[in-house]
């Protein structure tokens, strides 16, 4: 993965948790993250937990639309009970832009780090 842009900042996004069924995916993802982190340029791995869609973002997949509409009430509860595991699409986008512009001392950010960087 060589590029002619030496100041390029790379971000990688992955799920925060895995089940035994996704063991192969987790193994490949882990190897990919390690290779990205070994590059000689700023690399940030972003692992959001529960993501609340904002600004009328809807999925084209029927089951996801149903789950989002059903769980809309759950976000405020989760944000109060477990704030380090939830974020929004807006915060995720702002955090990725901030990481590309200014970087951060942490190279692996979960939802709480995403929310901190997003401001």
N, C-alpha and C. Protein backbone atom coordinates (compact mmCIF):
# COMPACT_ATOMS: atom_id res chain seq x y z
N UNK A 1 0.84 -1.17 0.00
CA UNK A 1 0.00 0.00 0.00
C UNK A 1 0.89 1.24 0.00
N UNK A 2 1.53 1.50 -1.08
CA UNK A 2 2.41 2.66 -1.22
C UNK A 2 1.65 3.77 -1.93
N UNK A 3 2.00 4.98 -1.57
CA UNK A 3 1.36 6.13 -2.20
C UNK A 3 2.39 7.23 -2.37
N UNK A 4 2.13 8.12 -3.29
CA UNK A 4 3.06 9.22 -3.52
C UNK A 4 2.74 10.41 -2.61
N UNK A 5 1.72 10.31 -1.77
CA UNK A 5 1.34 11.39 -0.86
C UNK A 5 1.89 11.08 0.54
N UNK A 6 3.01 11.67 0.91
CA UNK A 6 3.63 11.31 2.19
C UNK A 6 2.83 11.76 3.40
N UNK A 7 1.98 12.77 3.29
CA UNK A 7 1.24 13.27 4.44
C UNK A 7 -0.17 12.69 4.52
N UNK A 8 -0.45 11.66 3.75
CA UNK A 8 -1.77 11.05 3.73
C UNK A 8 -2.07 10.41 5.09
N UNK A 9 -3.23 10.72 5.64
CA UNK A 9 -3.67 10.11 6.89
C UNK A 9 -4.70 9.05 6.55
N UNK A 10 -4.54 7.88 7.09
CA UNK A 10 -5.42 6.75 6.80
C UNK A 10 -6.29 6.48 8.01
N UNK A 11 -7.59 6.25 7.79
CA UNK A 11 -8.47 5.82 8.86
C UNK A 11 -9.10 4.50 8.47
N UNK A 12 -9.30 3.64 9.43
CA UNK A 12 -9.92 2.35 9.22
C UNK A 12 -11.07 2.23 10.22
N UNK A 13 -12.23 1.80 9.74
CA UNK A 13 -13.40 1.68 10.61
C UNK A 13 -13.79 0.22 10.71
N UNK A 14 -14.06 -0.24 11.93
CA UNK A 14 -14.45 -1.62 12.16
C UNK A 14 -15.42 -1.68 13.33
N UNK A 15 -16.14 -2.80 13.44
CA UNK A 15 -17.06 -3.00 14.56
C UNK A 15 -16.28 -3.12 15.85
N UNK A 16 -16.89 -2.73 16.94
CA UNK A 16 -16.23 -2.76 18.24
C UNK A 16 -16.15 -4.18 18.82
N UNK A 17 -17.12 -5.00 18.60
CA UNK A 17 -17.16 -6.34 19.19
C UNK A 17 -17.43 -7.38 18.11
N UNK A 18 -17.05 -8.62 18.40
CA UNK A 18 -17.24 -9.71 17.45
C UNK A 18 -17.82 -10.92 18.17
N UNK A 19 -18.47 -11.77 17.42
CA UNK A 19 -18.97 -13.03 17.95
C UNK A 19 -18.10 -14.15 17.42
N UNK A 20 -18.18 -15.35 18.01
CA UNK A 20 -17.37 -16.46 17.51
C UNK A 20 -17.62 -16.79 16.04
N UNK A 21 -18.81 -16.47 15.54
CA UNK A 21 -19.12 -16.74 14.14
C UNK A 21 -18.23 -15.91 13.22
N UNK A 22 -17.84 -14.73 13.65
CA UNK A 22 -17.04 -13.84 12.82
C UNK A 22 -15.55 -13.96 13.11
N UNK A 23 -15.12 -15.11 13.59
CA UNK A 23 -13.72 -15.30 13.96
C UNK A 23 -12.77 -15.04 12.79
N UNK A 24 -13.11 -15.56 11.60
CA UNK A 24 -12.23 -15.35 10.44
C UNK A 24 -12.16 -13.88 10.08
N UNK A 25 -13.31 -13.20 10.13
CA UNK A 25 -13.33 -11.78 9.83
C UNK A 25 -12.45 -11.02 10.83
N UNK A 26 -12.56 -11.38 12.10
CA UNK A 26 -11.78 -10.71 13.14
C UNK A 26 -10.28 -10.94 12.92
N UNK A 27 -9.91 -12.13 12.50
CA UNK A 27 -8.50 -12.44 12.27
C UNK A 27 -7.96 -11.60 11.11
N UNK A 28 -8.70 -11.54 10.02
CA UNK A 28 -8.27 -10.76 8.86
C UNK A 28 -8.27 -9.27 9.20
N UNK A 29 -9.29 -8.81 9.92
CA UNK A 29 -9.35 -7.41 10.32
C UNK A 29 -8.18 -7.05 11.21
N UNK A 30 -7.86 -7.91 12.16
CA UNK A 30 -6.74 -7.66 13.05
C UNK A 30 -5.42 -7.57 12.29
N UNK A 31 -5.22 -8.47 11.35
CA UNK A 31 -3.99 -8.43 10.55
C UNK A 31 -3.93 -7.16 9.72
N UNK A 32 -5.07 -6.76 9.14
CA UNK A 32 -5.11 -5.53 8.33
C UNK A 32 -4.82 -4.31 9.19
N UNK A 33 -5.43 -4.24 10.38
CA UNK A 33 -5.17 -3.11 11.27
C UNK A 33 -3.70 -3.04 11.66
N UNK A 34 -3.10 -4.17 11.98
CA UNK A 34 -1.68 -4.19 12.35
C UNK A 34 -0.80 -3.72 11.20
N UNK A 35 -1.13 -4.13 9.98
CA UNK A 35 -0.35 -3.68 8.82
C UNK A 35 -0.53 -2.19 8.59
N UNK A 36 -1.74 -1.69 8.76
CA UNK A 36 -1.96 -0.25 8.61
C UNK A 36 -1.21 0.54 9.68
N UNK A 37 -1.25 0.07 10.92
CA UNK A 37 -0.57 0.77 12.01
C UNK A 37 0.94 0.74 11.85
N UNK A 38 1.46 -0.21 11.09
CA UNK A 38 2.90 -0.32 10.87
C UNK A 38 3.39 0.64 9.78
N UNK A 39 2.48 1.27 9.06
CA UNK A 39 2.88 2.20 8.01
C UNK A 39 3.60 3.41 8.62
N UNK A 40 4.40 4.08 7.81
CA UNK A 40 5.17 5.22 8.29
C UNK A 40 4.42 6.55 8.12
N UNK A 41 3.12 6.52 8.28
CA UNK A 41 2.30 7.73 8.22
C UNK A 41 1.20 7.61 9.26
N UNK A 42 0.54 8.71 9.57
CA UNK A 42 -0.52 8.65 10.59
C UNK A 42 -1.66 7.73 10.17
N UNK A 43 -1.98 6.78 11.01
CA UNK A 43 -3.08 5.84 10.77
C UNK A 43 -3.92 5.80 12.04
N UNK A 44 -5.23 5.87 11.89
CA UNK A 44 -6.14 5.82 13.02
C UNK A 44 -7.18 4.75 12.76
N UNK A 45 -7.36 3.86 13.71
CA UNK A 45 -8.36 2.80 13.63
C UNK A 45 -9.55 3.25 14.46
N UNK A 46 -10.72 3.29 13.85
CA UNK A 46 -11.94 3.78 14.50
C UNK A 46 -12.87 2.58 14.67
N UNK A 47 -13.26 2.29 15.93
CA UNK A 47 -14.14 1.17 16.23
C UNK A 47 -15.39 1.66 16.97
N UNK A 48 -16.38 2.12 16.23
CA UNK A 48 -17.61 2.57 16.90
C UNK A 48 -18.41 1.39 17.43
N UNK A 49 -19.19 1.64 18.47
CA UNK A 49 -20.10 0.63 19.00
C UNK A 49 -21.46 0.83 18.36
N UNK A 50 -22.44 1.28 19.15
CA UNK A 50 -23.78 1.55 18.66
C UNK A 50 -23.77 2.92 17.99
N UNK A 51 -24.21 2.99 16.73
CA UNK A 51 -24.23 4.24 15.98
C UNK A 51 -25.67 4.65 15.72
N UNK A 52 -26.02 5.84 16.17
CA UNK A 52 -27.37 6.38 15.92
C UNK A 52 -27.34 7.18 14.62
N UNK A 53 -28.17 6.80 13.62
CA UNK A 53 -28.22 7.58 12.38
C UNK A 53 -28.81 8.96 12.64
N UNK A 54 -28.25 9.97 12.00
CA UNK A 54 -28.72 11.36 12.15
C UNK A 54 -29.14 11.92 10.80
N UNK A 55 -29.89 13.00 10.85
CA UNK A 55 -30.25 13.78 9.66
C UNK A 55 -30.96 12.94 8.60
N UNK A 56 -31.92 12.17 9.03
CA UNK A 56 -32.78 11.39 8.12
C UNK A 56 -32.01 10.37 7.29
N UNK A 57 -30.89 9.90 7.79
CA UNK A 57 -30.16 8.84 7.08
C UNK A 57 -30.96 7.56 7.23
N UNK A 58 -31.28 6.92 6.10
CA UNK A 58 -32.00 5.66 6.13
C UNK A 58 -31.28 4.64 5.27
N UNK A 59 -31.40 3.42 5.68
CA UNK A 59 -30.79 2.33 4.94
C UNK A 59 -31.72 1.85 3.83
N UNK A 60 -31.15 1.32 2.77
CA UNK A 60 -31.97 0.73 1.73
C UNK A 60 -32.38 -0.70 2.09
N UNK A 61 -31.76 -1.24 3.13
CA UNK A 61 -32.07 -2.60 3.57
C UNK A 61 -33.24 -2.55 4.55
N UNK A 62 -34.28 -3.29 4.25
CA UNK A 62 -35.52 -3.24 5.03
C UNK A 62 -35.30 -3.57 6.50
N UNK A 63 -34.53 -4.60 6.80
CA UNK A 63 -34.32 -5.01 8.19
C UNK A 63 -33.59 -3.92 8.98
N UNK A 64 -32.64 -3.24 8.34
CA UNK A 64 -31.93 -2.15 9.03
C UNK A 64 -32.87 -0.97 9.29
N UNK A 65 -33.74 -0.67 8.33
CA UNK A 65 -34.72 0.40 8.55
C UNK A 65 -35.62 0.06 9.72
N UNK A 66 -36.05 -1.19 9.79
CA UNK A 66 -36.90 -1.63 10.89
C UNK A 66 -36.15 -1.53 12.22
N UNK A 67 -34.93 -2.02 12.26
CA UNK A 67 -34.14 -1.98 13.50
C UNK A 67 -33.87 -0.55 13.95
N UNK A 68 -33.59 0.34 13.00
CA UNK A 68 -33.33 1.75 13.36
C UNK A 68 -34.58 2.41 13.90
N UNK A 69 -35.73 2.15 13.27
CA UNK A 69 -36.96 2.76 13.77
C UNK A 69 -37.35 2.17 15.12
N UNK A 70 -37.15 0.88 15.31
CA UNK A 70 -37.48 0.23 16.57
C UNK A 70 -36.54 0.69 17.69
N UNK A 71 -35.27 0.89 17.38
CA UNK A 71 -34.31 1.21 18.44
C UNK A 71 -34.09 2.71 18.64
N UNK A 72 -34.87 3.55 17.99
CA UNK A 72 -34.69 5.00 18.13
C UNK A 72 -34.82 5.45 19.58
N UNK A 73 -35.72 4.85 20.32
CA UNK A 73 -35.90 5.19 21.73
C UNK A 73 -34.72 4.74 22.58
N UNK A 74 -33.97 3.75 22.08
CA UNK A 74 -32.89 3.14 22.86
C UNK A 74 -31.66 4.04 22.95
N UNK A 75 -31.42 4.88 21.95
CA UNK A 75 -30.20 5.69 21.93
C UNK A 75 -30.08 6.61 23.15
N UNK A 76 -31.11 7.39 23.51
CA UNK A 76 -30.96 8.25 24.69
C UNK A 76 -30.70 7.44 25.97
N UNK A 77 -31.31 6.26 26.06
CA UNK A 77 -31.09 5.41 27.23
C UNK A 77 -29.65 4.92 27.26
N UNK A 78 -29.17 4.41 26.13
CA UNK A 78 -27.79 3.92 26.06
C UNK A 78 -26.79 5.05 26.28
N UNK A 79 -27.09 6.21 25.74
CA UNK A 79 -26.18 7.34 25.89
C UNK A 79 -26.04 7.76 27.36
N UNK A 80 -27.11 7.59 28.12
CA UNK A 80 -27.06 7.93 29.54
C UNK A 80 -26.43 6.81 30.36
N UNK A 81 -26.76 5.55 30.04
CA UNK A 81 -26.26 4.42 30.82
C UNK A 81 -24.85 3.97 30.44
N UNK A 82 -24.54 4.03 29.16
CA UNK A 82 -23.24 3.54 28.69
C UNK A 82 -22.68 4.48 27.63
N UNK A 83 -22.32 5.71 28.00
CA UNK A 83 -21.91 6.70 27.00
C UNK A 83 -20.64 6.33 26.25
N UNK A 84 -19.82 5.46 26.81
CA UNK A 84 -18.58 5.12 26.10
C UNK A 84 -18.79 4.12 24.97
N UNK A 85 -20.02 3.64 24.78
CA UNK A 85 -20.29 2.65 23.74
C UNK A 85 -21.19 3.17 22.62
N UNK A 86 -21.60 4.42 22.66
CA UNK A 86 -22.53 4.94 21.65
C UNK A 86 -21.98 6.21 21.01
N UNK A 87 -22.35 6.42 19.76
CA UNK A 87 -22.01 7.63 19.04
C UNK A 87 -23.07 7.86 17.97
N UNK A 88 -22.93 8.91 17.19
CA UNK A 88 -23.87 9.20 16.11
C UNK A 88 -23.10 9.26 14.79
N UNK A 89 -23.84 9.21 13.70
CA UNK A 89 -23.18 9.32 12.40
C UNK A 89 -22.51 10.67 12.25
N UNK A 90 -23.12 11.71 12.81
CA UNK A 90 -22.53 13.05 12.72
C UNK A 90 -21.21 13.12 13.49
N UNK A 91 -21.19 12.59 14.70
CA UNK A 91 -19.95 12.59 15.49
C UNK A 91 -18.87 11.75 14.81
N UNK A 92 -19.26 10.62 14.24
CA UNK A 92 -18.29 9.76 13.55
C UNK A 92 -17.66 10.51 12.38
N UNK A 93 -18.48 11.19 11.59
CA UNK A 93 -17.96 11.96 10.47
C UNK A 93 -17.06 13.10 10.91
N UNK A 94 -17.48 13.83 11.93
CA UNK A 94 -16.66 14.93 12.45
C UNK A 94 -15.33 14.43 13.01
N UNK A 95 -15.38 13.28 13.69
CA UNK A 95 -14.15 12.71 14.25
C UNK A 95 -13.18 12.29 13.15
N UNK A 96 -13.69 11.70 12.08
CA UNK A 96 -12.80 11.27 11.00
C UNK A 96 -12.17 12.46 10.30
N UNK A 97 -12.91 13.54 10.14
CA UNK A 97 -12.35 14.75 9.55
C UNK A 97 -11.30 15.35 10.49
N UNK A 98 -11.60 15.40 11.78
CA UNK A 98 -10.64 15.95 12.75
C UNK A 98 -9.37 15.10 12.81
N UNK A 99 -9.51 13.77 12.72
CA UNK A 99 -8.33 12.90 12.71
C UNK A 99 -7.48 13.16 11.47
N UNK A 100 -8.12 13.33 10.33
CA UNK A 100 -7.37 13.58 9.10
C UNK A 100 -6.66 14.93 9.14
N UNK A 101 -7.29 15.93 9.77
CA UNK A 101 -6.69 17.27 9.82
C UNK A 101 -5.64 17.42 10.92
N UNK A 102 -5.99 16.95 12.14
CA UNK A 102 -5.15 17.25 13.30
C UNK A 102 -4.54 16.03 13.97
N UNK A 103 -5.06 14.85 13.70
CA UNK A 103 -4.57 13.65 14.36
C UNK A 103 -5.03 13.57 15.80
N UNK A 104 -4.47 12.63 16.54
CA UNK A 104 -4.80 12.43 17.95
C UNK A 104 -3.68 11.61 18.57
N UNK A 105 -3.58 11.66 19.90
CA UNK A 105 -2.53 10.89 20.56
C UNK A 105 -2.85 9.40 20.56
N UNK A 106 -4.14 9.04 20.50
CA UNK A 106 -4.52 7.63 20.43
C UNK A 106 -4.65 7.22 18.97
N UNK A 107 -4.18 6.02 18.66
CA UNK A 107 -4.27 5.53 17.29
C UNK A 107 -5.48 4.63 17.09
N UNK A 108 -6.06 4.12 18.18
CA UNK A 108 -7.24 3.28 18.12
C UNK A 108 -8.33 3.97 18.95
N UNK A 109 -9.42 4.35 18.31
CA UNK A 109 -10.49 5.06 19.00
C UNK A 109 -11.77 4.26 18.98
N UNK A 110 -12.34 4.06 20.15
CA UNK A 110 -13.67 3.46 20.26
C UNK A 110 -14.67 4.60 20.37
N UNK A 111 -15.91 4.31 20.66
CA UNK A 111 -16.96 5.34 20.65
C UNK A 111 -16.66 6.51 21.56
N UNK A 112 -16.10 6.26 22.75
CA UNK A 112 -15.81 7.38 23.65
C UNK A 112 -14.72 8.27 23.06
N UNK A 113 -13.72 7.70 22.43
CA UNK A 113 -12.67 8.48 21.78
C UNK A 113 -13.20 9.23 20.56
N UNK A 114 -14.11 8.59 19.83
CA UNK A 114 -14.74 9.24 18.68
C UNK A 114 -15.48 10.49 19.14
N UNK A 115 -16.26 10.34 20.22
CA UNK A 115 -17.03 11.47 20.74
C UNK A 115 -16.11 12.58 21.25
N UNK A 116 -15.00 12.21 21.86
CA UNK A 116 -14.05 13.21 22.38
C UNK A 116 -13.43 13.99 21.23
N UNK A 117 -12.96 13.29 20.20
CA UNK A 117 -12.31 13.94 19.06
C UNK A 117 -13.32 14.79 18.28
N UNK A 118 -14.57 14.33 18.18
CA UNK A 118 -15.59 15.07 17.44
C UNK A 118 -15.93 16.39 18.11
N UNK A 119 -15.67 16.48 19.40
CA UNK A 119 -15.93 17.73 20.11
C UNK A 119 -17.26 17.84 20.69
